[in-house]
Amino acid sequence: MRKIGMRTIAVFAMVLILVCLSVAVASANTPGDVTGDGRVNVLDLILVGQSWQLTGEPGWVAADMNTDGWVNILDLVMVCQHWTG
């Protein structure tokens, strides 16, 4: 099994952060679209589920659809209301 170096982990973390930031910006265009792909579907539900019950600053993560600082049933309802499949 190959070892993963610290540099590889750092690069991966930077890419992940950039992707998360771009998703947060893109999702502002389509209500309920957590992933930023222009559609509201099961992928958006998965991201809400992965952040379920987490708290932070309002809008701190794309899954906090209503920007109340808490990923909960209200965010899930927002995704379901704008479902495009």
Protein backbone atom coordinates (compact mmCIF):
# COMPACT_ATOMS: atom_id res chain seq x y z
CA MET A 1 0.00 0.00 0.00
CA ARG A 2 1.33 3.41 -0.96
CA LYS A 3 1.82 6.11 1.66
CA ILE A 4 0.21 9.47 1.13
CA GLY A 5 2.55 12.36 1.84
CA MET A 6 1.69 15.56 3.65
CA ARG A 7 2.03 17.54 0.43
CA THR A 8 -0.59 15.36 -1.27
CA ILE A 9 -2.95 15.80 1.67
CA ALA A 10 -2.41 19.58 1.64
CA VAL A 11 -3.12 19.81 -2.10
CA PHE A 12 -6.24 17.66 -1.71
CA ALA A 13 -7.46 19.86 1.17
CA MET A 14 -6.92 23.04 -0.88
CA VAL A 15 -8.85 21.60 -3.84
CA LEU A 16 -11.66 20.50 -1.54
CA ILE A 17 -11.89 23.98 -0.02
CA LEU A 18 -12.02 25.61 -3.45
CA VAL A 19 -14.74 23.22 -4.61
CA CYS A 20 -16.79 23.91 -1.48
CA LEU A 21 -16.46 27.65 -1.96
CA SER A 22 -17.50 27.45 -5.60
CA VAL A 23 -20.50 25.29 -4.66
CA ALA A 24 -21.56 27.84 -2.06
CA VAL A 25 -21.39 30.67 -4.60
CA ALA A 26 -23.08 28.73 -7.39
CA SER A 27 -25.92 27.48 -5.21
CA ALA A 28 -27.05 31.05 -4.57
CA ASN A 29 -28.39 31.11 -8.16
CA THR A 30 -30.88 28.22 -7.90
CA PRO A 31 -32.97 27.84 -4.73
CA GLY A 32 -32.50 24.38 -3.24
CA ASP A 33 -29.42 23.63 -5.36
CA VAL A 34 -26.74 22.69 -2.81
CA THR A 35 -24.30 21.23 -5.35
CA GLY A 36 -24.40 24.20 -7.71
CA ASP A 37 -25.09 22.07 -10.81
CA GLY A 38 -28.27 23.98 -11.71
CA ARG A 39 -30.57 21.12 -10.68
CA VAL A 40 -32.18 20.14 -7.40
CA ASN A 41 -31.97 16.38 -7.04
CA VAL A 42 -30.80 13.51 -4.84
CA LEU A 43 -27.23 14.86 -4.77
CA ASP A 44 -28.51 17.96 -2.98
CA LEU A 45 -30.37 15.79 -0.47
CA ILE A 46 -27.17 13.84 0.19
CA LEU A 47 -25.20 17.02 0.92
CA VAL A 48 -27.89 18.24 3.32
CA GLY A 49 -27.78 14.85 5.03
CA GLN A 50 -24.00 14.96 5.34
CA SER A 51 -24.21 18.30 7.13
CA TRP A 52 -27.31 17.38 9.17
CA GLN A 53 -27.58 19.16 12.53
CA LEU A 54 -24.26 20.98 12.11
CA THR A 55 -24.16 24.62 13.13
CA GLY A 56 -22.03 27.61 12.23
CA GLU A 57 -22.23 31.18 10.98
CA PRO A 58 -25.34 31.83 8.85
CA GLY A 59 -24.74 30.45 5.36
CA TRP A 60 -21.45 28.85 6.47
CA VAL A 61 -22.04 25.80 4.27
CA ALA A 62 -24.07 25.37 1.07
CA ALA A 63 -26.42 22.91 2.83
CA ASP A 64 -27.57 25.75 5.11
CA MET A 65 -30.09 26.79 2.47
CA ASN A 66 -32.03 29.26 4.61
CA THR A 67 -28.83 30.75 6.11
CA ASP A 68 -29.91 30.39 9.72
CA GLY A 69 -26.60 28.79 10.73
CA TRP A 70 -28.10 25.34 11.32
CA VAL A 71 -28.60 22.51 8.80
CA ASN A 72 -31.97 21.05 9.71
CA ILE A 73 -35.44 20.15 8.45
CA LEU A 74 -36.01 23.67 7.10
CA ASP A 75 -33.08 23.26 4.71
CA LEU A 76 -34.35 19.82 3.68
CA VAL A 77 -37.81 21.26 2.99
CA MET A 78 -36.25 23.98 0.82
CA VAL A 79 -34.50 21.34 -1.29
CA CYS A 80 -37.72 19.35 -1.63
CA GLN A 81 -39.78 22.42 -2.57
CA HIS A 82 -37.47 23.19 -5.50
CA TRP A 83 -36.99 19.58 -6.68
CA THR A 84 -36.22 19.28 -10.40
CA GLY A 85 -35.08 15.65 -10.42
